[in-house]
PDB file of N, CA and C in Angstrom:
ATOM      1  N   UNK A   1     -33.358 -13.971  46.421  1.00  0.00           N
ATOM      2  CA  UNK A   1     -33.534 -15.338  45.978  1.00  0.00           C
ATOM      3  C   UNK A   1     -33.045 -15.465  44.532  1.00  0.00           C
ATOM      4  N   UNK A   2     -32.247 -16.463  44.270  1.00  0.00           N
ATOM      5  CA  UNK A   2     -31.703 -16.671  42.934  1.00  0.00           C
ATOM      6  C   UNK A   2     -32.787 -17.181  41.988  1.00  0.00           C
ATOM      7  N   UNK A   3     -32.654 -16.800  40.721  1.00  0.00           N
ATOM      8  CA  UNK A   3     -33.563 -17.313  39.698  1.00  0.00           C
ATOM      9  C   UNK A   3     -33.296 -18.796  39.511  1.00  0.00           C
ATOM     10  N   UNK A   4     -34.326 -19.566  39.109  1.00  0.00           N
ATOM     11  CA  UNK A   4     -34.099 -20.990  38.883  1.00  0.00           C
ATOM     12  C   UNK A   4     -33.026 -21.206  37.816  1.00  0.00           C
ATOM     13  N   UNK A   5     -32.261 -22.253  37.999  1.00  0.00           N
ATOM     14  CA  UNK A   5     -31.212 -22.590  37.051  1.00  0.00           C
ATOM     15  C   UNK A   5     -31.837 -23.274  35.832  1.00  0.00           C
ATOM     16  N   UNK A   6     -31.428 -22.853  34.652  1.00  0.00           N
ATOM     17  CA  UNK A   6     -31.910 -23.521  33.440  1.00  0.00           C
ATOM     18  C   UNK A   6     -31.488 -24.979  33.476  1.00  0.00           C
ATOM     19  N   UNK A   7     -32.243 -25.785  32.767  1.00  0.00           N
ATOM     20  CA  UNK A   7     -32.058 -27.233  32.792  1.00  0.00           C
ATOM     21  C   UNK A   7     -32.158 -27.754  31.365  1.00  0.00           C
ATOM     22  N   UNK A   8     -31.335 -28.720  31.015  1.00  0.00           N
ATOM     23  CA  UNK A   8     -31.453 -29.352  29.707  1.00  0.00           C
ATOM     24  C   UNK A   8     -31.489 -30.866  29.867  1.00  0.00           C
ATOM     25  N   UNK A   9     -32.186 -31.474  28.951  1.00  0.00           N
ATOM     26  CA  UNK A   9     -32.174 -32.929  28.847  1.00  0.00           C
ATOM     27  C   UNK A   9     -31.612 -33.252  27.471  1.00  0.00           C
ATOM     28  N   UNK A  10     -30.671 -34.196  27.449  1.00  0.00           N
ATOM     29  CA  UNK A  10     -30.070 -34.635  26.199  1.00  0.00           C
ATOM     30  C   UNK A  10     -30.605 -36.034  25.910  1.00  0.00           C
ATOM     31  N   UNK A  11     -31.201 -36.191  24.740  1.00  0.00           N
ATOM     32  CA  UNK A  11     -31.718 -37.493  24.319  1.00  0.00           C
ATOM     33  C   UNK A  11     -30.814 -38.004  23.211  1.00  0.00           C
ATOM     34  N   UNK A  12     -30.237 -39.164  23.420  1.00  0.00           N
ATOM     35  CA  UNK A  12     -29.329 -39.811  22.466  1.00  0.00           C
ATOM     36  C   UNK A  12     -30.087 -40.998  21.888  1.00  0.00           C
ATOM     37  N   UNK A  13     -30.286 -40.976  20.561  1.00  0.00           N
ATOM     38  CA  UNK A  13     -31.047 -42.076  19.962  1.00  0.00           C
ATOM     39  C   UNK A  13     -30.525 -42.399  18.575  1.00  0.00           C
ATOM     40  N   UNK A  14     -30.900 -43.571  18.099  1.00  0.00           N
ATOM     41  CA  UNK A  14     -30.569 -44.000  16.748  1.00  0.00           C
ATOM     42  C   UNK A  14     -31.860 -44.381  16.037  1.00  0.00           C
ATOM     43  N   UNK A  15     -31.941 -43.983  14.764  1.00  0.00           N
ATOM     44  CA  UNK A  15     -33.115 -44.310  13.962  1.00  0.00           C
ATOM     45  C   UNK A  15     -32.745 -44.323  12.491  1.00  0.00           C
ATOM     46  N   UNK A  16     -33.452 -45.120  11.738  1.00  0.00           N
ATOM     47  CA  UNK A  16     -33.349 -45.067  10.283  1.00  0.00           C
ATOM     48  C   UNK A  16     -34.652 -44.497   9.717  1.00  0.00           C
ATOM     49  N   UNK A  17     -35.434 -43.861  10.610  1.00  0.00           N
ATOM     50  CA  UNK A  17     -36.730 -43.290  10.236  1.00  0.00           C
ATOM     51  C   UNK A  17     -36.816 -41.832  10.712  1.00  0.00           C
ATOM     52  N   UNK A  18     -35.775 -41.050  10.410  1.00  0.00           N
ATOM     53  CA  UNK A  18     -35.698 -39.688  10.946  1.00  0.00           C
ATOM     54  C   UNK A  18     -36.828 -38.788  10.458  1.00  0.00           C
ATOM     55  N   UNK A  19     -37.284 -38.966   9.233  1.00  0.00           N
ATOM     56  CA  UNK A  19     -38.382 -38.122   8.746  1.00  0.00           C
ATOM     57  C   UNK A  19     -39.653 -38.371   9.541  1.00  0.00           C
ATOM     58  N   UNK A  20     -39.928 -39.628   9.865  1.00  0.00           N
ATOM     59  CA  UNK A  20     -41.094 -39.946  10.689  1.00  0.00           C
ATOM     60  C   UNK A  20     -40.920 -39.354  12.092  1.00  0.00           C
ATOM     61  N   UNK A  21     -39.693 -39.385  12.588  1.00  0.00           N
ATOM     62  CA  UNK A  21     -39.398 -38.815  13.906  1.00  0.00           C
ATOM     63  C   UNK A  21     -39.657 -37.307  13.888  1.00  0.00           C
ATOM     64  N   UNK A  22     -39.233 -36.628  12.816  1.00  0.00           N
ATOM     65  CA  UNK A  22     -39.469 -35.180  12.702  1.00  0.00           C
ATOM     66  C   UNK A  22     -40.965 -34.868  12.652  1.00  0.00           C
ATOM     67  N   UNK A  23     -41.709 -35.649  11.889  1.00  0.00           N
ATOM     68  CA  UNK A  23     -43.158 -35.443  11.801  1.00  0.00           C
ATOM     69  C   UNK A  23     -43.815 -35.622  13.165  1.00  0.00           C
ATOM     70  N   UNK A  24     -43.413 -36.658  13.888  1.00  0.00           N
ATOM     71  CA  UNK A  24     -43.952 -36.900  15.224  1.00  0.00           C
ATOM     72  C   UNK A  24     -43.649 -35.726  16.147  1.00  0.00           C
ATOM     73  N   UNK A  25     -42.423 -35.226  16.112  1.00  0.00           N
ATOM     74  CA  UNK A  25     -42.031 -34.097  16.957  1.00  0.00           C
ATOM     75  C   UNK A  25     -42.850 -32.856  16.600  1.00  0.00           C
ATOM     76  N   UNK A  26     -43.031 -32.596  15.306  1.00  0.00           N
ATOM     77  CA  UNK A  26     -43.797 -31.417  14.888  1.00  0.00           C
ATOM     78  C   UNK A  26     -45.256 -31.519  15.321  1.00  0.00           C
ATOM     79  N   UNK A  27     -45.852 -32.696  15.174  1.00  0.00           N
ATOM     80  CA  UNK A  27     -47.244 -32.891  15.596  1.00  0.00           C
ATOM     81  C   UNK A  27     -47.384 -32.661  17.096  1.00  0.00           C
ATOM     82  N   UNK A  28     -46.446 -33.185  17.857  1.00  0.00           N
ATOM     83  CA  UNK A  28     -46.491 -33.022  19.308  1.00  0.00           C
ATOM     84  C   UNK A  28     -46.310 -31.559  19.690  1.00  0.00           C
ATOM     85  N   UNK A  29     -45.368 -30.865  19.054  1.00  0.00           N
ATOM     86  CA  UNK A  29     -45.146 -29.442  19.337  1.00  0.00           C
ATOM     87  C   UNK A  29     -46.408 -28.636  19.055  1.00  0.00           C
ATOM     88  N   UNK A  30     -47.112 -28.944  17.976  1.00  0.00           N
ATOM     89  CA  UNK A  30     -48.337 -28.216  17.640  1.00  0.00           C
ATOM     90  C   UNK A  30     -49.419 -28.454  18.693  1.00  0.00           C
ATOM     91  N   UNK A  31     -49.527 -29.697  19.172  1.00  0.00           N
ATOM     92  CA  UNK A  31     -50.532 -30.008  20.192  1.00  0.00           C
ATOM     93  C   UNK A  31     -50.233 -29.290  21.507  1.00  0.00           C
ATOM     94  N   UNK A  32     -48.948 -29.123  21.813  1.00  0.00           N
ATOM     95  CA  UNK A  32     -48.553 -28.559  23.098  1.00  0.00           C
ATOM     96  C   UNK A  32     -48.230 -27.071  23.043  1.00  0.00           C
ATOM     97  N   UNK A  33     -48.368 -26.451  21.891  1.00  0.00           N
ATOM     98  CA  UNK A  33     -48.038 -25.032  21.726  1.00  0.00           C
ATOM     99  C   UNK A  33     -48.809 -24.178  22.725  1.00  0.00           C
ATOM    100  N   UNK A  34     -48.108 -23.229  23.334  1.00  0.00           N
ATOM    101  CA  UNK A  34     -48.745 -22.310  24.260  1.00  0.00           C
ATOM    102  C   UNK A  34     -48.858 -22.824  25.679  1.00  0.00           C
ATOM    103  N   UNK A  35     -48.475 -24.057  25.917  1.00  0.00           N
ATOM    104  CA  UNK A  35     -48.540 -24.618  27.265  1.00  0.00           C
ATOM    105  C   UNK A  35     -47.393 -24.037  28.097  1.00  0.00           C
ATOM    106  N   UNK A  36     -47.685 -23.574  29.285  1.00  0.00           N
ATOM    107  CA  UNK A  36     -46.633 -23.006  30.120  1.00  0.00           C
ATOM    108  C   UNK A  36     -45.798 -24.119  30.752  1.00  0.00           C
ATOM    109  N   UNK A  37     -44.533 -23.810  31.009  1.00  0.00           N
ATOM    110  CA  UNK A  37     -43.656 -24.755  31.677  1.00  0.00           C
ATOM    111  C   UNK A  37     -43.045 -25.808  30.785  1.00  0.00           C
ATOM    112  N   UNK A  38     -43.313 -25.739  29.497  1.00  0.00           N
ATOM    113  CA  UNK A  38     -42.745 -26.713  28.574  1.00  0.00           C
ATOM    114  C   UNK A  38     -41.346 -26.318  28.137  1.00  0.00           C
ATOM    115  N   UNK A  39     -40.803 -27.055  27.185  1.00  0.00           N
ATOM    116  CA  UNK A  39     -39.462 -26.743  26.682  1.00  0.00           C
ATOM    117  C   UNK A  39     -39.412 -25.325  26.104  1.00  0.00           C
ATOM    118  N   UNK A  40     -38.256 -24.688  26.245  1.00  0.00           N
ATOM    119  CA  UNK A  40     -38.075 -23.352  25.690  1.00  0.00           C
ATOM    120  C   UNK A  40     -37.224 -23.371  24.425  1.00  0.00           C
ATOM    121  N   UNK A  41     -36.464 -24.440  24.223  1.00  0.00           N
ATOM    122  CA  UNK A  41     -35.602 -24.535  23.045  1.00  0.00           C
ATOM    123  C   UNK A  41     -35.301 -26.009  22.781  1.00  0.00           C
ATOM    124  N   UNK A  42     -35.145 -26.330  21.484  1.00  0.00           N
ATOM    125  CA  UNK A  42     -34.773 -27.691  21.096  1.00  0.00           C
ATOM    126  C   UNK A  42     -33.688 -27.599  20.043  1.00  0.00           C
ATOM    127  N   UNK A  43     -32.656 -28.371  20.209  1.00  0.00           N
ATOM    128  CA  UNK A  43     -31.547 -28.424  19.264  1.00  0.00           C
ATOM    129  C   UNK A  43     -31.385 -29.877  18.845  1.00  0.00           C
ATOM    130  N   UNK A  44     -31.462 -30.134  17.539  1.00  0.00           N
ATOM    131  CA  UNK A  44     -31.323 -31.499  17.017  1.00  0.00           C
ATOM    132  C   UNK A  44     -29.970 -31.601  16.328  1.00  0.00           C
ATOM    133  N   UNK A  45     -29.187 -32.598  16.724  1.00  0.00           N
ATOM    134  CA  UNK A  45     -27.844 -32.801  16.186  1.00  0.00           C
ATOM    135  C   UNK A  45     -27.755 -34.171  15.527  1.00  0.00           C
ATOM    136  N   UNK A  46     -27.071 -34.235  14.389  1.00  0.00           N
ATOM    137  CA  UNK A  46     -26.834 -35.506  13.701  1.00  0.00           C
ATOM    138  C   UNK A  46     -25.356 -35.840  13.835  1.00  0.00           C
ATOM    139  N   UNK A  47     -25.067 -37.028  14.320  1.00  0.00           N
ATOM    140  CA  UNK A  47     -23.686 -37.485  14.497  1.00  0.00           C
ATOM    141  C   UNK A  47     -23.065 -37.721  13.119  1.00  0.00           C
ATOM    142  N   UNK A  48     -21.992 -37.023  12.809  1.00  0.00           N
ATOM    143  CA  UNK A  48     -21.327 -37.180  11.508  1.00  0.00           C
ATOM    144  C   UNK A  48     -20.516 -38.465  11.436  1.00  0.00           C
ATOM    145  N   UNK A  49     -20.167 -39.026  12.591  1.00  0.00           N
ATOM    146  CA  UNK A  49     -19.319 -40.206  12.629  1.00  0.00           C
ATOM    147  C   UNK A  49     -20.068 -41.518  12.749  1.00  0.00           C
ATOM    148  N   UNK A  50     -21.373 -41.447  13.024  1.00  0.00           N
ATOM    149  CA  UNK A  50     -22.156 -42.675  13.202  1.00  0.00           C
ATOM    150  C   UNK A  50     -23.514 -42.495  12.539  1.00  0.00           C
ATOM    151  N   UNK A  51     -23.712 -43.180  11.434  1.00  0.00           N
ATOM    152  CA  UNK A  51     -24.956 -43.053  10.673  1.00  0.00           C
ATOM    153  C   UNK A  51     -26.162 -43.403  11.536  1.00  0.00           C
ATOM    154  N   UNK A  52     -27.196 -42.588  11.427  1.00  0.00           N
ATOM    155  CA  UNK A  52     -28.446 -42.861  12.121  1.00  0.00           C
ATOM    156  C   UNK A  52     -28.467 -42.465  13.582  1.00  0.00           C
ATOM    157  N   UNK A  53     -27.390 -41.842  14.091  1.00  0.00           N
ATOM    158  CA  UNK A  53     -27.356 -41.435  15.496  1.00  0.00           C
ATOM    159  C   UNK A  53     -27.633 -39.939  15.596  1.00  0.00           C
ATOM    160  N   UNK A  54     -28.493 -39.586  16.540  1.00  0.00           N
ATOM    161  CA  UNK A  54     -28.897 -38.202  16.752  1.00  0.00           C
ATOM    162  C   UNK A  54     -28.864 -37.875  18.238  1.00  0.00           C
ATOM    163  N   UNK A  55     -28.666 -36.605  18.521  1.00  0.00           N
ATOM    164  CA  UNK A  55     -28.755 -36.079  19.876  1.00  0.00           C
ATOM    165  C   UNK A  55     -29.735 -34.909  19.839  1.00  0.00           C
ATOM    166  N   UNK A  56     -30.623 -34.868  20.786  1.00  0.00           N
ATOM    167  CA  UNK A  56     -31.550 -33.752  20.901  1.00  0.00           C
ATOM    168  C   UNK A  56     -31.325 -33.113  22.264  1.00  0.00           C
ATOM    169  N   UNK A  57     -31.088 -31.811  22.261  1.00  0.00           N
ATOM    170  CA  UNK A  57     -30.900 -31.055  23.492  1.00  0.00           C
ATOM    171  C   UNK A  57     -32.169 -30.228  23.686  1.00  0.00           C
ATOM    172  N   UNK A  58     -32.857 -30.486  24.789  1.00  0.00           N
ATOM    173  CA  UNK A  58     -34.108 -29.788  25.078  1.00  0.00           C
ATOM    174  C   UNK A  58     -33.895 -28.933  26.325  1.00  0.00           C
ATOM    175  N   UNK A  59     -34.142 -27.636  26.180  1.00  0.00           N
ATOM    176  CA  UNK A  59     -33.918 -26.695  27.280  1.00  0.00           C
ATOM    177  C   UNK A  59     -35.232 -26.318  27.946  1.00  0.00           C
ATOM    178  N   UNK A  60     -35.161 -26.206  29.270  1.00  0.00           N
ATOM    179  CA  UNK A  60     -36.289 -25.770  30.092  1.00  0.00           C
ATOM    180  C   UNK A  60     -35.826 -24.613  30.962  1.00  0.00           C
ATOM    181  N   UNK A  61     -36.769 -23.816  31.447  1.00  0.00           N
ATOM    182  CA  UNK A  61     -36.425 -22.721  32.350  1.00  0.00           C
ATOM    183  C   UNK A  61     -35.945 -23.228  33.698  1.00  0.00           C
ATOM    184  N   UNK A  62     -36.372 -24.438  34.089  1.00  0.00           N
ATOM    185  CA  UNK A  62     -35.963 -24.991  35.385  1.00  0.00           C
ATOM    186  C   UNK A  62     -36.120 -26.511  35.381  1.00  0.00           C
ATOM    187  N   UNK A  63     -35.471 -27.144  36.336  1.00  0.00           N
ATOM    188  CA  UNK A  63     -35.617 -28.589  36.531  1.00  0.00           C
ATOM    189  C   UNK A  63     -37.071 -28.923  36.861  1.00  0.00           C
ATOM    190  N   UNK A  64     -37.710 -28.070  37.655  1.00  0.00           N
ATOM    191  CA  UNK A  64     -39.104 -28.308  38.038  1.00  0.00           C
ATOM    192  C   UNK A  64     -40.019 -28.309  36.810  1.00  0.00           C
ATOM    193  N   UNK A  65     -39.798 -27.369  35.887  1.00  0.00           N
ATOM    194  CA  UNK A  65     -40.588 -27.351  34.644  1.00  0.00           C
ATOM    195  C   UNK A  65     -40.380 -28.641  33.861  1.00  0.00           C
ATOM    196  N   UNK A  66     -39.133 -29.093  33.800  1.00  0.00           N
ATOM    197  CA  UNK A  66     -38.828 -30.322  33.059  1.00  0.00           C
ATOM    198  C   UNK A  66     -39.530 -31.523  33.684  1.00  0.00           C
ATOM    199  N   UNK A  67     -39.559 -31.592  35.007  1.00  0.00           N
ATOM    200  CA  UNK A  67     -40.194 -32.725  35.680  1.00  0.00           C
ATOM    201  C   UNK A  67     -41.709 -32.702  35.473  1.00  0.00           C
ATOM    202  N   UNK A  68     -42.306 -31.511  35.508  1.00  0.00           N
ATOM    203  CA  UNK A  68     -43.742 -31.411  35.216  1.00  0.00           C
ATOM    204  C   UNK A  68     -44.019 -31.849  33.785  1.00  0.00           C
ATOM    205  N   UNK A  69     -43.146 -31.440  32.857  1.00  0.00           N
ATOM    206  CA  UNK A  69     -43.291 -31.836  31.462  1.00  0.00           C
ATOM    207  C   UNK A  69     -43.184 -33.356  31.327  1.00  0.00           C
ATOM    208  N   UNK A  70     -42.234 -33.960  32.034  1.00  0.00           N
ATOM    209  CA  UNK A  70     -42.041 -35.413  31.970  1.00  0.00           C
ATOM    210  C   UNK A  70     -43.254 -36.169  32.496  1.00  0.00           C
ATOM    211  N   UNK A  71     -43.935 -35.583  33.474  1.00  0.00           N
ATOM    212  CA  UNK A  71     -45.102 -36.239  34.069  1.00  0.00           C
ATOM    213  C   UNK A  71     -46.368 -36.088  33.228  1.00  0.00           C
ATOM    214  N   UNK A  72     -46.329 -35.234  32.223  1.00  0.00           N
ATOM    215  CA  UNK A  72     -47.501 -34.990  31.384  1.00  0.00           C
ATOM    216  C   UNK A  72     -47.795 -36.218  30.518  1.00  0.00           C
ATOM    217  N   UNK A  73     -49.055 -36.675  30.472  1.00  0.00           N
ATOM    218  CA  UNK A  73     -49.400 -37.844  29.637  1.00  0.00           C
ATOM    219  C   UNK A  73     -49.039 -37.663  28.158  1.00  0.00           C
ATOM    220  N   UNK A  74     -49.111 -36.437  27.645  1.00  0.00           N
ATOM    221  CA  UNK A  74     -48.735 -36.186  26.243  1.00  0.00           C
ATOM    222  C   UNK A  74     -47.254 -36.462  26.020  1.00  0.00           C
ATOM    223  N   UNK A  75     -46.422 -36.111  27.005  1.00  0.00           N
ATOM    224  CA  UNK A  75     -44.989 -36.368  26.907  1.00  0.00           C
ATOM    225  C   UNK A  75     -44.727 -37.866  26.938  1.00  0.00           C
ATOM    226  N   UNK A  76     -45.426 -38.581  27.796  1.00  0.00           N
ATOM    227  CA  UNK A  76     -45.277 -40.037  27.873  1.00  0.00           C
ATOM    228  C   UNK A  76     -45.670 -40.680  26.546  1.00  0.00           C
ATOM    229  N   UNK A  77     -46.759 -40.222  25.968  1.00  0.00           N
ATOM    230  CA  UNK A  77     -47.215 -40.747  24.676  1.00  0.00           C
ATOM    231  C   UNK A  77     -46.157 -40.493  23.600  1.00  0.00           C
ATOM    232  N   UNK A  78     -45.612 -39.261  23.567  1.00  0.00           N
ATOM    233  CA  UNK A  78     -44.575 -38.930  22.590  1.00  0.00           C
ATOM    234  C   UNK A  78     -43.361 -39.829  22.777  1.00  0.00           C
ATOM    235  N   UNK A  79     -42.921 -40.023  24.014  1.00  0.00           N
ATOM    236  CA  UNK A  79     -41.733 -40.846  24.291  1.00  0.00           C
ATOM    237  C   UNK A  79     -41.937 -42.276  23.819  1.00  0.00           C
ATOM    238  N   UNK A  80     -43.125 -42.813  24.014  1.00  0.00           N
ATOM    239  CA  UNK A  80     -43.420 -44.178  23.560  1.00  0.00           C
ATOM    240  C   UNK A  80     -43.394 -44.269  22.035  1.00  0.00           C
ATOM    241  N   UNK A  81     -43.986 -43.282  21.375  1.00  0.00           N
ATOM    242  CA  UNK A  81     -44.001 -43.274  19.913  1.00  0.00           C
ATOM    243  C   UNK A  81     -42.596 -43.075  19.363  1.00  0.00           C
ATOM    244  N   UNK A  82     -41.819 -42.215  20.003  1.00  0.00           N
ATOM    245  CA  UNK A  82     -40.442 -41.976  19.587  1.00  0.00           C
ATOM    246  C   UNK A  82     -39.624 -43.261  19.707  1.00  0.00           C
ATOM    247  N   UNK A  83     -39.736 -43.928  20.846  1.00  0.00           N
ATOM    248  CA  UNK A  83     -38.973 -45.156  21.075  1.00  0.00           C
ATOM    249  C   UNK A  83     -39.295 -46.213  20.020  1.00  0.00           C
ATOM    250  N   UNK A  84     -40.544 -46.239  19.553  1.00  0.00           N
ATOM    251  CA  UNK A  84     -40.944 -47.212  18.534  1.00  0.00           C
ATOM    252  C   UNK A  84     -40.253 -46.961  17.195  1.00  0.00           C
ATOM    253  N   UNK A  85     -39.798 -45.725  16.971  1.00  0.00           N
ATOM    254  CA  UNK A  85     -39.110 -45.376  15.726  1.00  0.00           C
ATOM    255  C   UNK A  85     -37.593 -45.562  15.824  1.00  0.00           C
ATOM    256  N   UNK A  86     -37.108 -45.888  17.008  1.00  0.00           N
ATOM    257  CA  UNK A  86     -35.670 -46.018  17.238  1.00  0.00           C
ATOM    258  C   UNK A  86     -35.183 -47.446  16.966  1.00  0.00           C
ATOM    259  N   UNK A  87     -33.919 -47.545  16.590  1.00  0.00           N
ATOM    260  CA  UNK A  87     -33.306 -48.858  16.371  1.00  0.00           C
ATOM    261  C   UNK A  87     -32.668 -49.388  17.650  1.00  0.00           C
ATOM    262  N   UNK A  88     -32.566 -48.556  18.670  1.00  0.00           N
ATOM    263  CA  UNK A  88     -32.152 -48.966  20.016  1.00  0.00           C
ATOM    264  C   UNK A  88     -32.858 -48.026  20.988  1.00  0.00           C
ATOM    265  N   UNK A  89     -33.040 -48.448  22.221  1.00  0.00           N
ATOM    266  CA  UNK A  89     -33.723 -47.553  23.162  1.00  0.00           C
ATOM    267  C   UNK A  89     -32.954 -46.245  23.339  1.00  0.00           C
ATOM    268  N   UNK A  90     -33.661 -45.113  23.372  1.00  0.00           N
ATOM    269  CA  UNK A  90     -32.983 -43.833  23.584  1.00  0.00           C
ATOM    270  C   UNK A  90     -32.427 -43.767  25.004  1.00  0.00           C
ATOM    271  N   UNK A  91     -31.363 -42.970  25.174  1.00  0.00           N
ATOM    272  CA  UNK A  91     -30.837 -42.713  26.512  1.00  0.00           C
ATOM    273  C   UNK A  91     -31.031 -41.236  26.819  1.00  0.00           C
ATOM    274  N   UNK A  92     -31.184 -40.937  28.094  1.00  0.00           N
ATOM    275  CA  UNK A  92     -31.492 -39.584  28.544  1.00  0.00           C
ATOM    276  C   UNK A  92     -30.451 -39.141  29.556  1.00  0.00           C
ATOM    277  N   UNK A  93     -29.965 -37.910  29.396  1.00  0.00           N
ATOM    278  CA  UNK A  93     -29.024 -37.314  30.334  1.00  0.00           C
ATOM    279  C   UNK A  93     -29.601 -35.980  30.791  1.00  0.00           C
ATOM    280  N   UNK A  94     -29.735 -35.804  32.107  1.00  0.00           N
ATOM    281  CA  UNK A  94     -30.280 -34.579  32.681  1.00  0.00           C
ATOM    282  C   UNK A  94     -29.138 -33.694  33.160  1.00  0.00           C
ATOM    283  N   UNK A  95     -29.184 -32.406  32.799  1.00  0.00           N
ATOM    284  CA  UNK A  95     -28.078 -31.490  33.113  1.00  0.00           C
ATOM    285  C   UNK A  95     -28.594 -30.148  33.615  1.00  0.00           C
ATOM    286  N   UNK A  96     -27.955 -29.635  34.669  1.00  0.00           N
ATOM    287  CA  UNK A  96     -28.167 -28.250  35.087  1.00  0.00           C
ATOM    288  C   UNK A  96     -27.220 -27.388  34.267  1.00  0.00           C
ATOM    289  N   UNK A  97     -27.745 -26.304  33.702  1.00  0.00           N
ATOM    290  CA  UNK A  97     -26.912 -25.394  32.918  1.00  0.00           C
ATOM    291  C   UNK A  97     -26.077 -24.571  33.889  1.00  0.00           C
ATOM    292  N   UNK A  98     -24.779 -24.645  33.740  1.00  0.00           N
ATOM    293  CA  UNK A  98     -23.867 -23.910  34.610  1.00  0.00           C
ATOM    294  C   UNK A  98     -23.511 -22.547  34.033  1.00  0.00           C
ATOM    295  N   UNK A  99     -23.393 -22.502  32.706  1.00  0.00           N
ATOM    296  CA  UNK A  99     -22.924 -21.260  32.081  1.00  0.00           C
ATOM    297  C   UNK A  99     -23.282 -21.307  30.608  1.00  0.00           C
ATOM    298  N   UNK A 100     -23.639 -20.174  30.046  1.00  0.00           N
ATOM    299  CA  UNK A 100     -23.815 -20.060  28.600  1.00  0.00           C
ATOM    300  C   UNK A 100     -23.068 -18.823  28.125  1.00  0.00           C
ATOM    301  N   UNK A 101     -22.566 -18.900  26.927  1.00  0.00           N
ATOM    302  CA  UNK A 101     -21.872 -17.789  26.298  1.00  0.00           C
ATOM    303  C   UNK A 101     -22.366 -17.671  24.873  1.00  0.00           C
ATOM    304  N   UNK A 102     -22.792 -16.498  24.489  1.00  0.00           N
ATOM    305  CA  UNK A 102     -23.183 -16.226  23.105  1.00  0.00           C
ATOM    306  C   UNK A 102     -22.024 -15.495  22.446  1.00  0.00           C
ATOM    307  N   UNK A 103     -21.506 -16.066  21.364  1.00  0.00           N
ATOM    308  CA  UNK A 103     -20.418 -15.446  20.633  1.00  0.00           C
ATOM    309  C   UNK A 103     -20.986 -14.664  19.456  1.00  0.00           C
ATOM    310  N   UNK A 104     -20.516 -13.442  19.296  1.00  0.00           N
ATOM    311  CA  UNK A 104     -21.001 -12.586  18.210  1.00  0.00           C
ATOM    312  C   UNK A 104     -20.409 -13.004  16.885  1.00  0.00           C
TER     313      UNK A 104
END
């Protein structure tokens, strides 16, 4: 049986309140620390060509873990608070990881 395929969700959002967004993310991470099935990695990117635009790549061990995380009331609360800090509604893209390469 094959191991579950890693899964990532990409959140594309715009905000002029990035420090508040970082604080919210840190508070949520602290509350959820040690919970199994949650995100395994988070990458925050700032668009150099468009002020106030950010992309967050959140990695999970599997699509199933991501869906359980999405159904968690704490995740729903975070998403609502995050959206309130955005200048436009965030968009979400769900992706199965096909391949990764680590370059030395």
